[in-house]
Amino acid sequence: MTPATLRHHVANISVTALLLAALSASATAQERNFKAASVKTPDGLTISAQDWGNPNGPEILFIHGFSQSSLSWIKQVTSDLAKEFHMVTYDLRGHGNSDKPFEPERYKDSKVWGDEVQAVMDATGLKRPVLVGWSYGGRVMADYLKTHGTAKLAGLNYVDAGQKADPSFFGPNLKNLPPMASDDLATNIAATRAFLRDCFSKQPSQDEFEMMLSFNMMVPPKVRLGLSNRPLEVDDLLKSLKLPVLVTHGSEDKNSNLIAAEYTAKMIPGAKLSVYQGIGHSPFFEDAPRFNAELAAFVRSAQKGN
């Protein structure tokens, strides 16, 4: 191959690579088509939210778990659900692209969490959404119910989200929480990796795991510490609920034992329990097709009943 031919060949390769990169970026942009929303909470924080799907469809607000992010719901917001439903995700305070104050009092009061949810609803135009709370997100839903009641909600979906601080409900993976709040970086990373692995029975791909580990590590140790040891005594609240409620839980959950979901479903009048056999703490990710189908049916029914 002559030098001139070689230069021409390399140029063709470069153009092809650039074209493929552009196409890939375009596909990613289409796949993650959302409207960003910057939300101000009553206590002065800026919360990063994302508005997805059909703006005129039935409404769903997704609330992620401890140390996670809005990206946790990627298999919902980029699925066929987007054709029918108006979906909103956001990063909890201390997480993702939201503000991360270090003062522990910014995380202890139920009112600030409940007000944060309402602020996201107001900023994104949600009138009567179904709240979907995963893990710690279920605690945030309890905060909302305590401070704002049920008047602006169509239904609740508790996803592997225990509603009682009973040690018998806790799984073995929670042993990783204290070292996840360590200021020693190596200790923190090791604990976060172990915790994240045990959030799944069916493991994510390497690329997916790396993405998740990245957004987990965006949560500072002081924030993780601030999130811990909040009381959760909501039996009377659960018994009084008159909303449609779906309780979703993986049978192999290592964070929250199945008995926690059974307890929640028993406490709430008319609640439906959906158990995912062979699935861990993340049924929306491990079995997204089933989760999305059940969520769609639940939201349609809940909206119809309101």
Protein backbone atom coordinates (compact mmCIF):
# COMPACT_ATOMS: atom_id res chain seq x y z
CA MET A 1 0.00 0.00 0.00
CA THR A 2 1.45 3.35 -1.04
CA PRO A 3 1.63 6.24 1.46
CA ALA A 4 -1.06 8.06 -0.48
CA THR A 5 -3.31 4.99 -0.44
CA LEU A 6 -2.65 4.52 3.28
CA ARG A 7 -3.57 8.14 4.02
CA HIS A 8 -6.78 7.73 2.03
CA HIS A 9 -7.60 4.50 3.88
CA VAL A 10 -6.99 6.09 7.29
CA ALA A 11 -9.10 9.10 6.31
CA ASN A 12 -11.98 6.81 5.32
CA ILE A 13 -11.69 4.96 8.62
CA SER A 14 -11.74 8.29 10.54
CA VAL A 15 -14.81 9.54 8.66
CA THR A 16 -16.57 6.22 9.25
CA ALA A 17 -15.71 6.32 12.97
CA LEU A 18 -17.01 9.88 13.29
CA LEU A 19 -20.21 8.95 11.47
CA LEU A 20 -20.77 5.93 13.71
CA ALA A 21 -20.10 8.04 16.80
CA ALA A 22 -22.59 10.67 15.61
CA LEU A 23 -25.23 8.03 14.91
CA SER A 24 -24.64 6.46 18.31
CA ALA A 25 -24.95 9.82 20.04
CA SER A 26 -28.15 10.53 18.11
CA ALA A 27 -29.62 7.16 19.11
CA THR A 28 -28.70 7.78 22.74
CA ALA A 29 -30.31 11.23 22.63
CA GLN A 30 -33.49 9.72 21.19
CA GLU A 31 -33.47 6.91 23.73
CA ARG A 32 -33.11 9.33 26.63
CA ASN A 33 -35.53 11.96 25.42
CA PHE A 34 -36.59 14.02 28.43
CA LYS A 35 -37.19 17.58 29.49
CA ALA A 36 -34.93 18.68 32.33
CA ALA A 37 -36.49 20.51 35.26
CA SER A 38 -34.68 22.42 37.99
CA VAL A 39 -36.78 22.31 41.16
CA LYS A 40 -36.46 24.60 44.19
CA THR A 41 -37.51 23.10 47.52
CA PRO A 42 -39.07 25.19 50.30
CA ASP A 43 -35.85 24.78 52.30
CA GLY A 44 -33.77 26.21 49.47
CA LEU A 45 -32.25 23.22 47.70
CA THR A 46 -32.08 22.71 43.95
CA ILE A 47 -33.35 19.31 42.83
CA SER A 48 -32.62 17.81 39.42
CA ALA A 49 -35.74 16.33 37.80
CA GLN A 50 -36.55 14.82 34.41
CA ASP A 51 -39.88 14.85 32.57
CA TRP A 52 -40.46 11.86 30.25
CA GLY A 53 -43.06 10.37 27.95
CA ASN A 54 -46.54 11.49 26.99
CA PRO A 55 -47.27 14.87 28.64
CA ASN A 56 -51.01 14.21 28.43
CA GLY A 57 -50.90 10.65 29.75
CA PRO A 58 -51.59 9.18 33.20
CA GLU A 59 -48.96 10.39 35.63
CA ILE A 60 -46.19 8.45 37.40
CA LEU A 61 -43.57 9.88 39.76
CA PHE A 62 -40.60 7.55 40.40
CA ILE A 63 -38.65 7.89 43.66
CA HIS A 64 -35.32 6.03 43.79
CA GLY A 65 -33.54 4.38 46.69
CA PHE A 66 -30.64 5.03 49.06
CA SER A 67 -27.48 6.16 47.24
CA GLN A 68 -29.09 5.66 43.79
CA SER A 69 -30.32 8.19 41.21
CA SER A 70 -32.97 9.01 38.65
CA LEU A 71 -31.03 6.80 36.21
CA SER A 72 -32.19 3.78 38.23
CA TRP A 73 -35.47 3.97 36.28
CA ILE A 74 -33.94 3.92 32.80
CA LYS A 75 -35.74 0.67 31.85
CA GLN A 76 -39.07 2.34 32.58
CA VAL A 77 -38.68 5.80 31.08
CA THR A 78 -37.11 4.55 27.81
CA SER A 79 -39.62 1.71 27.36
CA ASP A 80 -43.03 1.59 25.68
CA LEU A 81 -44.42 3.17 28.85
CA ALA A 82 -43.28 6.50 27.40
CA LYS A 83 -45.93 6.27 24.66
CA GLU A 84 -48.78 6.22 27.16
CA PHE A 85 -47.64 7.71 30.46
CA HIS A 86 -46.35 11.05 31.72
CA MET A 87 -43.37 10.00 33.84
CA VAL A 88 -41.14 12.06 36.12
CA THR A 89 -37.87 11.00 37.73
CA TYR A 90 -35.63 13.03 40.03
CA ASP A 91 -32.50 12.83 42.15
CA LEU A 92 -33.26 12.94 45.86
CA ARG A 93 -31.48 15.60 47.87
CA GLY A 94 -27.90 14.49 48.40
CA HIS A 95 -27.97 12.33 45.25
CA GLY A 96 -27.14 12.57 41.55
CA ASN A 97 -27.21 16.12 40.23
CA SER A 98 -29.26 17.52 43.13
CA ASP A 99 -27.80 19.68 45.90
CA LYS A 100 -25.82 17.80 48.54
CA PRO A 101 -25.70 19.73 51.82
CA PHE A 102 -23.65 18.04 54.53
CA GLU A 103 -25.69 19.18 57.56
CA PRO A 104 -27.48 16.11 58.97
CA GLU A 105 -30.59 18.13 59.80
CA ARG A 106 -31.25 18.55 56.05
CA TYR A 107 -32.09 14.83 55.93
CA LYS A 108 -33.79 14.03 59.25
CA ASP A 109 -37.15 15.84 59.07
CA SER A 110 -40.10 14.17 57.32
CA LYS A 111 -41.41 17.56 56.24
CA VAL A 112 -38.42 18.45 54.04
CA TRP A 113 -38.74 15.14 52.20
CA GLY A 114 -42.48 15.48 51.75
CA ASP A 115 -42.11 19.08 50.60
CA GLU A 116 -39.42 17.99 48.13
CA VAL A 117 -41.81 15.50 46.51
CA GLN A 118 -44.53 18.16 46.26
CA ALA A 119 -42.06 20.65 44.78
CA VAL A 120 -41.13 18.14 42.05
CA MET A 121 -44.82 17.51 41.33
CA ASP A 122 -45.53 21.23 41.09
CA ALA A 123 -42.53 21.99 38.88
CA THR A 124 -43.37 19.23 36.40
CA GLY A 125 -47.13 19.80 36.35
CA LEU A 126 -48.15 16.53 37.98
CA LYS A 127 -51.71 16.75 39.29
CA ARG A 128 -52.59 13.25 40.54
CA PRO A 129 -49.67 10.89 39.99
CA VAL A 130 -49.08 7.35 41.14
CA LEU A 131 -45.99 7.41 43.36
CA VAL A 132 -43.54 4.56 42.76
CA GLY A 133 -41.05 4.32 45.62
CA TRP A 134 -38.14 1.89 45.57
CA SER A 135 -36.48 0.93 48.85
CA TYR A 136 -35.66 4.23 50.64
CA GLY A 137 -38.11 5.82 48.21
CA GLY A 138 -40.87 4.09 50.19
CA ARG A 139 -39.71 5.97 53.26
CA VAL A 140 -39.91 9.20 51.25
CA MET A 141 -43.47 8.30 50.26
CA ALA A 142 -44.27 7.92 53.97
CA ASP A 143 -42.82 11.39 54.51
CA TYR A 144 -45.08 12.76 51.78
CA LEU A 145 -48.17 11.06 53.19
CA LYS A 146 -47.42 12.44 56.65
CA THR A 147 -46.99 16.01 55.45
CA HIS A 148 -49.30 16.29 52.43
CA GLY A 149 -51.81 13.46 52.71
CA THR A 150 -53.36 11.63 49.76
CA ALA A 151 -55.51 14.32 48.12
CA LYS A 152 -53.12 14.84 45.19
CA LEU A 153 -52.31 11.16 44.58
CA ALA A 154 -53.93 8.48 42.44
CA GLY A 155 -52.11 5.50 43.95
CA LEU A 156 -48.97 4.08 45.54
CA ASN A 157 -46.53 1.38 44.40
CA TYR A 158 -44.13 0.21 47.11
CA VAL A 159 -41.15 -1.50 45.41
CA ASP A 160 -39.06 -3.56 47.86
CA ALA A 161 -39.76 -0.79 50.33
CA GLY A 162 -40.33 -1.93 53.90
CA GLN A 163 -42.62 0.27 55.98
CA LYS A 164 -41.52 -0.71 59.47
CA ALA A 165 -38.09 -0.44 61.14
CA ASP A 166 -38.24 -4.03 62.42
CA PRO A 167 -34.85 -5.81 62.47
CA SER A 168 -36.54 -9.05 61.38
CA PHE A 169 -37.46 -7.29 58.13
CA PHE A 170 -33.85 -6.36 57.33
CA GLY A 171 -31.72 -8.39 54.93
CA PRO A 172 -28.00 -9.19 55.22
CA ASN A 173 -26.95 -6.57 52.65
CA LEU A 174 -27.63 -3.76 55.12
CA LYS A 175 -24.37 -4.68 56.85
CA ASN A 176 -22.68 -2.67 54.09
CA LEU A 177 -24.38 0.61 55.03
CA PRO A 178 -22.03 1.72 57.86
CA PRO A 179 -18.81 1.34 55.80
CA MET A 180 -20.56 3.11 52.89
CA ALA A 181 -20.54 6.20 55.12
CA SER A 182 -16.78 5.92 55.74
CA ASP A 183 -14.51 8.84 54.86
CA ASP A 184 -11.84 6.31 53.90
CA LEU A 185 -12.25 6.11 50.13
CA ALA A 186 -11.08 2.52 49.68
CA THR A 187 -13.43 1.31 52.44
CA ASN A 188 -16.29 3.33 50.99
CA ILE A 189 -15.81 2.01 47.44
CA ALA A 190 -15.50 -1.61 48.56
CA ALA A 191 -18.68 -1.39 50.63
CA THR A 192 -20.58 0.40 47.86
CA ARG A 193 -19.56 -2.25 45.31
CA ALA A 194 -20.66 -5.04 47.65
CA PHE A 195 -23.94 -3.30 48.48
CA LEU A 196 -24.74 -2.66 44.83
CA ARG A 197 -23.99 -6.25 43.79
CA ASP A 198 -26.38 -7.56 46.44
CA CYS A 199 -29.16 -5.24 45.24
CA PHE A 200 -29.61 -7.76 42.41
CA SER A 201 -30.22 -11.46 42.10
CA LYS A 202 -30.07 -11.26 38.29
CA GLN A 203 -26.94 -9.16 37.88
CA PRO A 204 -26.69 -6.14 35.57
CA SER A 205 -24.16 -6.15 32.71
CA GLN A 206 -20.66 -4.81 33.36
CA ASP A 207 -21.51 -1.52 31.61
CA GLU A 208 -24.73 -1.19 33.63
CA PHE A 209 -22.91 -1.96 36.88
CA GLU A 210 -20.23 0.62 36.15
CA MET A 211 -22.90 3.25 35.47
CA MET A 212 -24.66 2.37 38.74
CA LEU A 213 -21.44 2.38 40.74
CA SER A 214 -20.62 5.80 39.31
CA PHE A 215 -23.86 7.40 40.44
CA ASN A 216 -23.72 5.62 43.80
CA MET A 217 -20.31 7.18 44.41
CA MET A 218 -21.73 10.65 43.74
CA VAL A 219 -23.38 10.49 47.17
CA PRO A 220 -20.96 11.86 49.80
CA PRO A 221 -20.34 9.90 53.02
CA LYS A 222 -21.87 12.67 55.15
CA VAL A 223 -25.08 12.48 53.12
CA ARG A 224 -25.27 8.71 53.53
CA LEU A 225 -24.80 9.18 57.26
CA GLY A 226 -27.51 11.84 57.34
CA LEU A 227 -29.97 9.47 55.66
CA SER A 228 -29.52 6.78 58.30
CA ASN A 229 -31.40 6.04 61.50
CA ARG A 230 -34.57 7.91 60.65
CA PRO A 231 -37.58 6.51 62.55
CA LEU A 232 -40.27 4.71 60.56
CA GLU A 233 -43.48 4.09 62.51
CA VAL A 234 -46.39 4.46 60.11
CA ASP A 235 -48.77 1.62 61.03
CA ASP A 236 -51.69 3.96 61.69
CA LEU A 237 -51.04 5.81 58.45
CA LEU A 238 -50.97 2.56 56.45
CA LYS A 239 -54.20 1.34 58.02
CA SER A 240 -55.94 4.59 57.09
CA LEU A 241 -54.98 4.58 53.39
CA LYS A 242 -57.88 4.52 50.95
CA LEU A 243 -55.81 4.72 47.78
CA PRO A 244 -55.11 1.87 45.35
CA VAL A 245 -51.84 0.27 46.47
CA LEU A 246 -49.52 -2.23 44.77
CA VAL A 247 -46.74 -3.83 46.81
CA THR A 248 -43.98 -5.23 44.57
CA HIS A 249 -41.18 -7.37 46.01
CA GLY A 250 -38.42 -9.73 44.90
CA SER A 251 -38.38 -13.06 46.72
CA GLU A 252 -34.56 -13.05 46.84
CA ASP A 253 -34.24 -9.48 48.17
CA LYS A 254 -31.15 -9.21 50.41
CA ASN A 255 -32.03 -5.72 51.66
CA SER A 256 -35.64 -6.12 52.71
CA ASN A 257 -37.02 -9.55 53.52
CA LEU A 258 -40.24 -10.68 51.86
CA ILE A 259 -42.03 -10.58 55.21
CA ALA A 260 -41.66 -6.77 55.09
CA ALA A 261 -43.75 -6.64 51.90
CA GLU A 262 -46.27 -9.10 53.29
CA TYR A 263 -46.61 -6.88 56.36
CA THR A 264 -47.17 -3.73 54.27
CA ALA A 265 -49.79 -5.45 52.11
CA LYS A 266 -51.56 -6.75 55.21
CA MET A 267 -51.63 -3.33 56.87
CA ILE A 268 -53.08 -1.42 53.91
CA PRO A 269 -56.77 -2.14 53.14
CA GLY A 270 -57.16 -3.63 49.65
CA ALA A 271 -53.44 -3.61 48.81
CA LYS A 272 -52.26 -6.09 46.18
CA LEU A 273 -48.98 -7.99 46.71
CA SER A 274 -46.93 -9.00 43.66
CA VAL A 275 -43.97 -11.29 44.43
CA TYR A 276 -41.20 -11.80 41.87
CA GLN A 277 -39.74 -15.28 42.34
CA GLY A 278 -35.98 -15.52 41.84
CA ILE A 279 -35.63 -11.72 41.75
CA GLY A 280 -33.67 -9.55 44.18
CA HIS A 281 -34.06 -6.01 45.46
CA SER A 282 -34.57 -4.46 41.99
CA PRO A 283 -37.50 -6.09 40.15
CA PHE A 284 -37.97 -3.03 37.91
CA PHE A 285 -34.48 -3.70 36.53
CA GLU A 286 -34.17 -7.48 36.85
CA ASP A 287 -37.54 -8.20 35.22
CA ALA A 288 -38.43 -4.92 33.53
CA PRO A 289 -41.01 -6.39 31.08
CA ARG A 290 -43.14 -7.82 33.90
CA PHE A 291 -42.67 -4.78 36.11
CA ASN A 292 -43.61 -2.35 33.34
CA ALA A 293 -46.69 -4.36 32.38
CA GLU A 294 -47.90 -4.57 35.99
CA LEU A 295 -47.20 -0.90 36.61
CA ALA A 296 -49.07 0.14 33.46
CA ALA A 297 -52.12 -1.93 34.45
CA PHE A 298 -52.00 -0.58 38.00
CA VAL A 299 -51.72 3.07 36.93
CA ARG A 300 -54.58 2.73 34.42
CA SER A 301 -56.78 1.20 37.10
CA ALA A 302 -55.77 3.72 39.78
CA GLN A 303 -56.38 6.71 37.51
CA LYS A 304 -59.73 5.32 36.43
CA GLY A 305 -60.78 4.97 40.05
CA ASN A 306 -60.03 8.63 40.81
